Structures are given as C-alpha cells and as structure tokens.
Amino acid sequence: MSGYRAHLEASQTPLQKILTAGGYDREHAYQATMAYLKQTWASERFDALFCENDELAFGALQAIRDFGERVHVGIVGFGDTKEAHSPTWHLTSLSQRNDLLADEAINRLLNSRSNNQGRWCHGELKIRHSHLGREVMSEPSKCGCASRH
C-alpha cells in the first residue's frame, strides 16, 4: 500500500477511495464491491481498483459482472496466481519472484533481519486486460473471457 500511495503521489494522482473487504477472500471482496456499487452514483464511482491480492480481485470482478448496468471498473490484482491467467479473468496482476520473497522471509524469521528496500519488493506487472476501460475494449470480448467490455 505504501508503494502504491507513493507512486500515486509522485504522479500527482490522489487516492480517492479505499474499499475494505474485511477479509482476504473472494466472498468478502464480492460483498464489499457490490455494496460500493449499490451505494455510489455511477458518475461518482472510481474507474480503477488495485486489490491487495488476486483473490480479492476475482471477487471484485465478479461483483462488477453481476451488478450489470454496463459497469466497468479496471481491476488489478497482486500475486499473479495461475487463475489470473485463465480466460475467465484475464487479470492484470503484479507478480513477485517467490525465491526473493522466500529469502526475505527466512532472513526475517531466522536472522531477525529485514530489507525493506530489497529486490523482493519489486515485481513485474503482468498485463492482461482486466485493467482496461470500456474505451479500449469497446467491442464484445474476442478473447473468450467473461468480462463485460
């Protein structure tokens, strides 16, 4: 979250809204996103949502699909799970190297050392298309995913 906020601040883009799911699973994200969509006027809704993990992103995407009303919110996940690659989701997700994460975890657990600026902090954005707005994906999906474009 701190890296995300820092990048937004550097690009002079304000963080407009934080949704709190109350848990790190799909159902919590679904409920939080659906409640947000129901309670927020279409003209006031955010355009994009960055989720702390892919499971939350899947729940948010499903809520957007189920809500209807031709809503599209760009979604980005974190973790790049195998399911993120699937045609069901085509989830854009930040991928981190597991070997670097494991090294950092071992250093913290066994050596009581941490490196908050290490290579483990940096990942690679795996671009698919869950983050794209309707302007880009204006025609019905040709990729086979269930996302409403």
N, C-alpha and C. Protein backbone atom coordinates (compact mmCIF):
# COMPACT_ATOMS: atom_id res chain seq x y z
N MET A 1 0.82 -1.20 0.00
CA MET A 1 0.00 0.00 0.00
C MET A 1 0.86 1.25 0.00
N SER A 2 1.95 1.20 0.76
CA SER A 2 2.81 2.39 0.81
C SER A 2 3.45 2.66 -0.54
N GLY A 3 3.85 1.61 -1.26
CA GLY A 3 4.42 1.79 -2.59
C GLY A 3 3.39 2.32 -3.57
N TYR A 4 2.18 1.82 -3.47
CA TYR A 4 1.10 2.27 -4.33
C TYR A 4 0.79 3.75 -4.09
N ARG A 5 0.69 4.11 -2.82
CA ARG A 5 0.43 5.52 -2.48
C ARG A 5 1.57 6.44 -2.94
N ALA A 6 2.80 5.98 -2.76
CA ALA A 6 3.96 6.79 -3.16
C ALA A 6 3.95 7.04 -4.66
N HIS A 7 3.60 6.02 -5.42
CA HIS A 7 3.55 6.19 -6.88
C HIS A 7 2.43 7.16 -7.27
N LEU A 8 1.28 7.03 -6.63
CA LEU A 8 0.18 7.96 -6.91
C LEU A 8 0.58 9.39 -6.60
N GLU A 9 1.22 9.59 -5.45
CA GLU A 9 1.66 10.93 -5.07
C GLU A 9 2.69 11.49 -6.06
N ALA A 10 3.61 10.64 -6.50
CA ALA A 10 4.63 11.08 -7.45
C ALA A 10 4.01 11.51 -8.77
N SER A 11 2.91 10.87 -9.15
CA SER A 11 2.24 11.23 -10.40
C SER A 11 1.13 12.26 -10.17
N GLN A 12 1.07 12.77 -8.96
CA GLN A 12 0.08 13.79 -8.57
C GLN A 12 -1.36 13.31 -8.82
N THR A 13 -1.59 12.03 -8.51
CA THR A 13 -2.91 11.43 -8.63
C THR A 13 -3.40 11.11 -7.22
N PRO A 14 -4.49 11.71 -6.79
CA PRO A 14 -4.96 11.43 -5.43
C PRO A 14 -5.60 10.05 -5.31
N LEU A 15 -5.40 9.41 -4.17
CA LEU A 15 -6.09 8.18 -3.85
C LEU A 15 -7.49 8.58 -3.43
N GLN A 16 -8.49 8.15 -4.19
CA GLN A 16 -9.83 8.65 -3.97
C GLN A 16 -10.67 7.84 -2.99
N LYS A 17 -10.45 6.54 -2.94
CA LYS A 17 -11.31 5.70 -2.11
C LYS A 17 -10.58 4.43 -1.76
N ILE A 18 -10.77 3.96 -0.54
CA ILE A 18 -10.25 2.67 -0.12
C ILE A 18 -11.45 1.80 0.26
N LEU A 19 -11.59 0.65 -0.40
CA LEU A 19 -12.61 -0.31 -0.03
C LEU A 19 -11.98 -1.30 0.93
N THR A 20 -12.65 -1.59 2.01
CA THR A 20 -12.16 -2.57 2.97
C THR A 20 -13.08 -3.78 2.91
N ALA A 21 -12.49 -4.92 2.56
CA ALA A 21 -13.29 -6.13 2.38
C ALA A 21 -13.57 -6.84 3.70
N GLY A 22 -12.71 -6.67 4.69
CA GLY A 22 -12.92 -7.34 5.97
C GLY A 22 -12.38 -8.76 5.99
N GLY A 23 -11.69 -9.15 4.94
CA GLY A 23 -11.09 -10.48 4.84
C GLY A 23 -10.36 -10.58 3.51
N TYR A 24 -9.48 -11.55 3.41
CA TYR A 24 -8.68 -11.66 2.20
C TYR A 24 -9.19 -12.73 1.25
N ASP A 25 -10.48 -12.84 1.12
CA ASP A 25 -11.02 -13.85 0.22
C ASP A 25 -12.01 -13.25 -0.76
N ARG A 26 -12.37 -14.06 -1.72
CA ARG A 26 -13.23 -13.65 -2.83
C ARG A 26 -14.60 -13.16 -2.36
N GLU A 27 -15.21 -13.86 -1.44
CA GLU A 27 -16.55 -13.50 -0.99
C GLU A 27 -16.57 -12.14 -0.30
N HIS A 28 -15.59 -11.88 0.54
CA HIS A 28 -15.52 -10.57 1.20
C HIS A 28 -15.38 -9.45 0.16
N ALA A 29 -14.53 -9.66 -0.82
CA ALA A 29 -14.33 -8.65 -1.87
C ALA A 29 -15.60 -8.47 -2.69
N TYR A 30 -16.28 -9.56 -2.97
CA TYR A 30 -17.53 -9.50 -3.72
C TYR A 30 -18.54 -8.63 -2.97
N GLN A 31 -18.73 -8.91 -1.69
CA GLN A 31 -19.70 -8.17 -0.89
C GLN A 31 -19.34 -6.69 -0.77
N ALA A 32 -18.06 -6.40 -0.54
CA ALA A 32 -17.63 -5.00 -0.41
C ALA A 32 -17.81 -4.24 -1.72
N THR A 33 -17.47 -4.87 -2.83
CA THR A 33 -17.59 -4.21 -4.13
C THR A 33 -19.05 -4.02 -4.50
N MET A 34 -19.86 -5.03 -4.26
CA MET A 34 -21.29 -4.92 -4.58
C MET A 34 -21.94 -3.81 -3.74
N ALA A 35 -21.61 -3.74 -2.47
CA ALA A 35 -22.16 -2.68 -1.62
C ALA A 35 -21.73 -1.31 -2.13
N TYR A 36 -20.46 -1.18 -2.51
CA TYR A 36 -19.96 0.09 -3.05
C TYR A 36 -20.74 0.48 -4.31
N LEU A 37 -20.92 -0.46 -5.22
CA LEU A 37 -21.62 -0.17 -6.48
C LEU A 37 -23.06 0.25 -6.23
N LYS A 38 -23.71 -0.41 -5.29
CA LYS A 38 -25.11 -0.10 -4.98
C LYS A 38 -25.26 1.25 -4.30
N GLN A 39 -24.27 1.66 -3.50
CA GLN A 39 -24.38 2.88 -2.72
C GLN A 39 -23.79 4.11 -3.40
N THR A 40 -23.14 3.94 -4.53
CA THR A 40 -22.44 5.05 -5.17
C THR A 40 -23.04 5.36 -6.53
N TRP A 41 -23.34 6.63 -6.75
CA TRP A 41 -23.86 7.05 -8.05
C TRP A 41 -22.85 6.70 -9.13
N ALA A 42 -23.35 6.32 -10.28
CA ALA A 42 -22.48 5.91 -11.39
C ALA A 42 -21.46 7.00 -11.72
N SER A 43 -21.87 8.24 -11.68
CA SER A 43 -20.96 9.35 -12.03
C SER A 43 -19.87 9.57 -10.99
N GLU A 44 -20.04 9.00 -9.79
CA GLU A 44 -19.08 9.19 -8.71
C GLU A 44 -18.20 7.97 -8.45
N ARG A 45 -18.41 6.88 -9.17
CA ARG A 45 -17.64 5.66 -8.96
C ARG A 45 -16.21 5.81 -9.45
N PHE A 46 -15.31 5.09 -8.80
CA PHE A 46 -13.92 5.10 -9.26
C PHE A 46 -13.82 4.34 -10.58
N ASP A 47 -12.74 4.62 -11.30
CA ASP A 47 -12.51 3.98 -12.60
C ASP A 47 -11.67 2.72 -12.48
N ALA A 48 -10.89 2.63 -11.41
CA ALA A 48 -9.97 1.51 -11.27
C ALA A 48 -9.85 1.10 -9.81
N LEU A 49 -9.52 -0.18 -9.61
CA LEU A 49 -9.37 -0.72 -8.27
C LEU A 49 -8.13 -1.61 -8.26
N PHE A 50 -7.19 -1.31 -7.36
CA PHE A 50 -5.99 -2.12 -7.17
C PHE A 50 -6.22 -2.95 -5.92
N CYS A 51 -6.20 -4.26 -6.06
CA CYS A 51 -6.50 -5.16 -4.95
C CYS A 51 -5.23 -5.72 -4.34
N GLU A 52 -5.24 -5.97 -3.04
CA GLU A 52 -4.06 -6.47 -2.33
C GLU A 52 -3.66 -7.88 -2.72
N ASN A 53 -4.58 -8.65 -3.28
CA ASN A 53 -4.23 -9.97 -3.79
C ASN A 53 -5.20 -10.34 -4.91
N ASP A 54 -4.86 -11.39 -5.63
CA ASP A 54 -5.70 -11.80 -6.75
C ASP A 54 -7.06 -12.30 -6.30
N GLU A 55 -7.14 -12.96 -5.15
CA GLU A 55 -8.44 -13.44 -4.66
C GLU A 55 -9.42 -12.29 -4.49
N LEU A 56 -8.95 -11.18 -3.92
CA LEU A 56 -9.81 -10.01 -3.78
C LEU A 56 -10.22 -9.48 -5.15
N ALA A 57 -9.28 -9.49 -6.09
CA ALA A 57 -9.57 -9.01 -7.44
C ALA A 57 -10.64 -9.86 -8.11
N PHE A 58 -10.58 -11.19 -7.93
CA PHE A 58 -11.59 -12.06 -8.52
C PHE A 58 -12.98 -11.75 -7.96
N GLY A 59 -13.06 -11.53 -6.66
CA GLY A 59 -14.34 -11.18 -6.05
C GLY A 59 -14.88 -9.86 -6.55
N ALA A 60 -13.99 -8.87 -6.68
CA ALA A 60 -14.41 -7.55 -7.19
C ALA A 60 -14.87 -7.66 -8.64
N LEU A 61 -14.13 -8.40 -9.46
CA LEU A 61 -14.52 -8.58 -10.86
C LEU A 61 -15.88 -9.26 -10.97
N GLN A 62 -16.11 -10.27 -10.14
CA GLN A 62 -17.40 -10.97 -10.19
C GLN A 62 -18.54 -10.05 -9.78
N ALA A 63 -18.32 -9.21 -8.78
CA ALA A 63 -19.36 -8.25 -8.37
C ALA A 63 -19.67 -7.28 -9.50
N ILE A 64 -18.65 -6.81 -10.18
CA ILE A 64 -18.86 -5.89 -11.30
C ILE A 64 -19.65 -6.57 -12.41
N ARG A 65 -19.32 -7.82 -12.71
CA ARG A 65 -20.06 -8.58 -13.73
C ARG A 65 -21.52 -8.77 -13.32
N ASP A 66 -21.73 -9.13 -12.06
CA ASP A 66 -23.09 -9.40 -11.58
C ASP A 66 -23.93 -8.14 -11.42
N PHE A 67 -23.29 -7.03 -11.15
CA PHE A 67 -24.03 -5.79 -10.92
C PHE A 67 -24.77 -5.35 -12.18
N GLY A 68 -24.16 -5.57 -13.32
CA GLY A 68 -24.82 -5.19 -14.57
C GLY A 68 -24.68 -3.71 -14.83
N GLU A 69 -25.73 -3.13 -15.38
CA GLU A 69 -25.76 -1.71 -15.72
C GLU A 69 -24.53 -1.27 -16.51
N ARG A 70 -23.93 -2.21 -17.24
CA ARG A 70 -22.78 -1.92 -18.09
C ARG A 70 -21.67 -1.17 -17.35
N VAL A 71 -21.44 -1.59 -16.12
CA VAL A 71 -20.39 -1.02 -15.29
C VAL A 71 -19.05 -1.61 -15.70
N HIS A 72 -18.05 -0.78 -15.81
CA HIS A 72 -16.70 -1.30 -15.98
C HIS A 72 -15.74 -0.52 -15.10
N VAL A 73 -15.09 -1.25 -14.24
CA VAL A 73 -14.05 -0.70 -13.39
C VAL A 73 -12.81 -1.52 -13.69
N GLY A 74 -11.71 -0.87 -14.01
CA GLY A 74 -10.47 -1.58 -14.25
C GLY A 74 -9.97 -2.19 -12.95
N ILE A 75 -9.56 -3.45 -13.01
CA ILE A 75 -9.12 -4.18 -11.81
C ILE A 75 -7.70 -4.70 -12.01
N VAL A 76 -6.88 -4.53 -10.98
CA VAL A 76 -5.52 -5.08 -10.96
C VAL A 76 -5.35 -5.85 -9.66
N GLY A 77 -4.78 -7.03 -9.77
CA GLY A 77 -4.53 -7.86 -8.60
C GLY A 77 -3.07 -7.85 -8.20
N PHE A 78 -2.75 -8.67 -7.24
CA PHE A 78 -1.39 -8.77 -6.73
C PHE A 78 -1.10 -10.23 -6.42
N GLY A 79 -0.06 -10.77 -7.03
CA GLY A 79 0.33 -12.15 -6.76
C GLY A 79 0.44 -12.99 -8.02
N ASP A 80 -0.27 -12.63 -9.06
CA ASP A 80 -0.23 -13.33 -10.34
C ASP A 80 -0.41 -14.84 -10.18
N THR A 81 -1.50 -15.22 -9.54
CA THR A 81 -1.81 -16.63 -9.36
C THR A 81 -2.12 -17.28 -10.71
N LYS A 82 -2.12 -18.60 -10.75
CA LYS A 82 -2.41 -19.32 -12.00
C LYS A 82 -3.79 -18.94 -12.53
N GLU A 83 -4.74 -18.76 -11.64
CA GLU A 83 -6.10 -18.42 -12.06
C GLU A 83 -6.16 -17.06 -12.75
N ALA A 84 -5.25 -16.17 -12.42
CA ALA A 84 -5.22 -14.85 -13.06
C ALA A 84 -5.01 -14.96 -14.56
N HIS A 85 -4.32 -16.01 -15.00
CA HIS A 85 -4.03 -16.23 -16.41
C HIS A 85 -5.24 -16.79 -17.16
N SER A 86 -6.22 -17.30 -16.45
CA SER A 86 -7.31 -18.03 -17.08
C SER A 86 -8.19 -17.13 -17.93
N PRO A 87 -8.83 -17.71 -18.95
CA PRO A 87 -9.73 -16.92 -19.79
C PRO A 87 -10.94 -16.38 -19.04
N THR A 88 -11.23 -16.93 -17.87
CA THR A 88 -12.35 -16.42 -17.08
C THR A 88 -12.05 -15.02 -16.57
N TRP A 89 -10.78 -14.75 -16.24
CA TRP A 89 -10.44 -13.49 -15.58
C TRP A 89 -9.54 -12.58 -16.40
N HIS A 90 -8.54 -13.09 -17.06
CA HIS A 90 -7.55 -12.25 -17.76
C HIS A 90 -7.12 -11.10 -16.85
N LEU A 91 -6.77 -11.45 -15.62
CA LEU A 91 -6.47 -10.46 -14.60
C LEU A 91 -5.06 -9.87 -14.75
N THR A 92 -4.97 -8.57 -14.87
CA THR A 92 -3.70 -7.88 -14.80
C THR A 92 -3.25 -7.96 -13.35
N SER A 93 -2.01 -8.39 -13.11
CA SER A 93 -1.59 -8.64 -11.74
C SER A 93 -0.09 -8.38 -11.58
N LEU A 94 0.28 -7.94 -10.40
CA LEU A 94 1.69 -7.73 -10.09
C LEU A 94 2.27 -9.05 -9.61
N SER A 95 3.35 -9.45 -10.27
CA SER A 95 4.00 -10.72 -9.95
C SER A 95 5.32 -10.44 -9.26
N GLN A 96 5.55 -11.11 -8.14
CA GLN A 96 6.83 -11.01 -7.45
C GLN A 96 7.52 -12.35 -7.49
N ARG A 97 8.84 -12.33 -7.50
CA ARG A 97 9.60 -13.57 -7.54
C ARG A 97 9.51 -14.27 -6.20
N ASN A 98 9.03 -15.50 -6.22
CA ASN A 98 8.86 -16.28 -4.99
C ASN A 98 10.18 -16.57 -4.31
N ASP A 99 11.26 -16.78 -5.07
CA ASP A 99 12.55 -17.07 -4.45
C ASP A 99 13.04 -15.88 -3.62
N LEU A 100 12.80 -14.65 -4.11
CA LEU A 100 13.21 -13.47 -3.36
C LEU A 100 12.34 -13.26 -2.13
N LEU A 101 11.05 -13.55 -2.27
CA LEU A 101 10.14 -13.45 -1.12
C LEU A 101 10.53 -14.47 -0.05
N ALA A 102 10.86 -15.67 -0.48
CA ALA A 102 11.26 -16.71 0.48
C ALA A 102 12.55 -16.33 1.20
N ASP A 103 13.53 -15.81 0.46
CA ASP A 103 14.78 -15.37 1.09
C ASP A 103 14.52 -14.30 2.14
N GLU A 104 13.67 -13.35 1.82
CA GLU A 104 13.36 -12.28 2.77
C GLU A 104 12.65 -12.84 4.00
N ALA A 105 11.72 -13.75 3.79
CA ALA A 105 11.01 -14.36 4.92
C ALA A 105 11.97 -15.13 5.83
N ILE A 106 12.89 -15.88 5.23
CA ILE A 106 13.87 -16.64 6.02
C ILE A 106 14.77 -15.70 6.81
N ASN A 107 15.22 -14.63 6.16
CA ASN A 107 16.06 -13.64 6.86
C ASN A 107 15.32 -13.03 8.05
N ARG A 108 14.06 -12.76 7.88
CA ARG A 108 13.28 -12.16 8.97
C ARG A 108 13.05 -13.16 10.10
N LEU A 109 12.73 -14.39 9.75
CA LEU A 109 12.42 -15.40 10.76
C LEU A 109 13.66 -15.91 11.49
N LEU A 110 14.67 -16.25 10.74
CA LEU A 110 15.83 -16.90 11.35
C LEU A 110 16.93 -15.94 11.77
N ASN A 111 17.09 -14.86 11.04
CA ASN A 111 18.20 -13.94 11.30
C ASN A 111 17.76 -12.61 11.91
N SER A 112 16.45 -12.44 12.11
CA SER A 112 15.90 -11.18 12.63
C SER A 112 16.41 -9.97 11.83
N ARG A 113 16.54 -10.17 10.53
CA ARG A 113 16.98 -9.10 9.62
C ARG A 113 15.90 -8.87 8.59
N SER A 114 15.72 -7.61 8.22
CA SER A 114 14.80 -7.32 7.13
C SER A 114 15.41 -6.26 6.23
N ASN A 115 15.03 -6.32 4.98
CA ASN A 115 15.49 -5.36 3.99
C ASN A 115 14.26 -4.80 3.30
N ASN A 116 13.76 -3.68 3.80
CA ASN A 116 12.53 -3.11 3.27
C ASN A 116 12.68 -2.48 1.90
N GLN A 117 13.89 -2.39 1.40
CA GLN A 117 14.12 -1.82 0.08
C GLN A 117 14.74 -2.85 -0.87
N GLY A 118 14.74 -4.12 -0.51
CA GLY A 118 15.38 -5.16 -1.29
C GLY A 118 14.68 -5.46 -2.61
N ARG A 119 15.33 -6.30 -3.40
CA ARG A 119 14.77 -6.68 -4.71
C ARG A 119 13.43 -7.38 -4.56
N TRP A 120 13.19 -8.02 -3.41
CA TRP A 120 11.93 -8.73 -3.20
C TRP A 120 10.74 -7.78 -3.26
N CYS A 121 10.95 -6.50 -3.01
CA CYS A 121 9.87 -5.51 -3.01
C CYS A 121 9.34 -5.20 -4.41
N HIS A 122 10.15 -5.48 -5.40
CA HIS A 122 9.80 -5.07 -6.76
C HIS A 122 9.27 -6.27 -7.54
N GLY A 123 8.28 -6.00 -8.32
CA GLY A 123 7.68 -7.06 -9.11
C GLY A 123 7.55 -6.64 -10.56
N GLU A 124 6.88 -7.48 -11.29
CA GLU A 124 6.63 -7.21 -12.70
C GLU A 124 5.13 -7.23 -12.93
N LEU A 125 4.64 -6.20 -13.58
CA LEU A 125 3.21 -6.13 -13.88
C LEU A 125 2.92 -7.01 -15.08
N LYS A 126 2.07 -8.02 -14.87
CA LYS A 126 1.67 -8.92 -15.93
C LYS A 126 0.38 -8.36 -16.54
N ILE A 127 0.54 -7.77 -17.71
CA ILE A 127 -0.58 -7.09 -18.36
C ILE A 127 -1.47 -8.10 -19.09
N ARG A 128 -2.72 -8.10 -18.71
CA ARG A 128 -3.72 -8.87 -19.44
C ARG A 128 -4.75 -7.85 -19.92
N HIS A 129 -5.98 -7.89 -19.42
CA HIS A 129 -6.86 -6.77 -19.80
C HIS A 129 -7.92 -6.39 -18.78
N SER A 130 -7.87 -6.93 -17.58
CA SER A 130 -8.87 -6.57 -16.58
C SER A 130 -8.79 -5.10 -16.17
N HIS A 131 -7.67 -4.46 -16.46
CA HIS A 131 -7.47 -3.06 -16.07
C HIS A 131 -7.97 -2.08 -17.13
N LEU A 132 -8.33 -2.56 -18.31
CA LEU A 132 -8.69 -1.66 -19.40
C LEU A 132 -10.10 -1.12 -19.26
N GLY A 133 -10.27 0.11 -19.68
CA GLY A 133 -11.59 0.74 -19.66
C GLY A 133 -12.38 0.43 -20.91
N ARG A 134 -13.63 0.78 -20.89
CA ARG A 134 -14.54 0.50 -21.99
C ARG A 134 -14.07 1.15 -23.29
N GLU A 135 -13.39 2.29 -23.20
CA GLU A 135 -12.95 2.98 -24.41
C GLU A 135 -11.98 2.10 -25.21
N VAL A 136 -11.17 1.32 -24.50
CA VAL A 136 -10.19 0.47 -25.17
C VAL A 136 -10.84 -0.81 -25.65
N MET A 137 -11.66 -1.40 -24.84
CA MET A 137 -12.29 -2.68 -25.17
C MET A 137 -13.75 -2.42 -25.52
N SER A 138 -14.01 -1.68 -26.58
CA SER A 138 -15.36 -1.24 -26.88
C SER A 138 -16.22 -2.33 -27.52
N GLU A 139 -15.62 -3.29 -28.17
CA GLU A 139 -16.39 -4.34 -28.81
C GLU A 139 -16.49 -5.53 -27.86
N PRO A 140 -17.48 -6.40 -28.09
CA PRO A 140 -17.57 -7.60 -27.25
C PRO A 140 -16.24 -8.35 -27.27
N SER A 141 -15.97 -8.97 -26.17
CA SER A 141 -14.69 -9.64 -25.99
C SER A 141 -14.43 -10.69 -27.06
N LYS A 142 -13.25 -10.65 -27.64
CA LYS A 142 -12.83 -11.64 -28.60
C LYS A 142 -11.88 -12.63 -27.95
N CYS A 143 -11.58 -12.42 -26.70
CA CYS A 143 -10.60 -13.27 -26.02
C CYS A 143 -11.27 -14.46 -25.34
N GLY A 144 -12.58 -14.44 -25.21
CA GLY A 144 -13.27 -15.55 -24.58
C GLY A 144 -13.53 -15.37 -23.09
N CYS A 145 -13.07 -14.26 -22.49
CA CYS A 145 -13.30 -14.09 -21.07
C CYS A 145 -14.71 -13.60 -20.81
N ALA A 146 -15.11 -13.67 -19.57
CA ALA A 146 -16.48 -13.29 -19.22
C ALA A 146 -16.59 -11.81 -18.86
N SER A 147 -15.51 -11.06 -19.00
CA SER A 147 -15.52 -9.64 -18.63
C SER A 147 -16.44 -8.88 -19.57
N ARG A 148 -17.16 -7.94 -19.03
CA ARG A 148 -18.03 -7.09 -19.85
C ARG A 148 -17.22 -5.93 -20.37
N HIS A 149 -17.13 -5.85 -21.67
CA HIS A 149 -16.34 -4.77 -22.27
C HIS A 149 -17.25 -3.77 -22.92
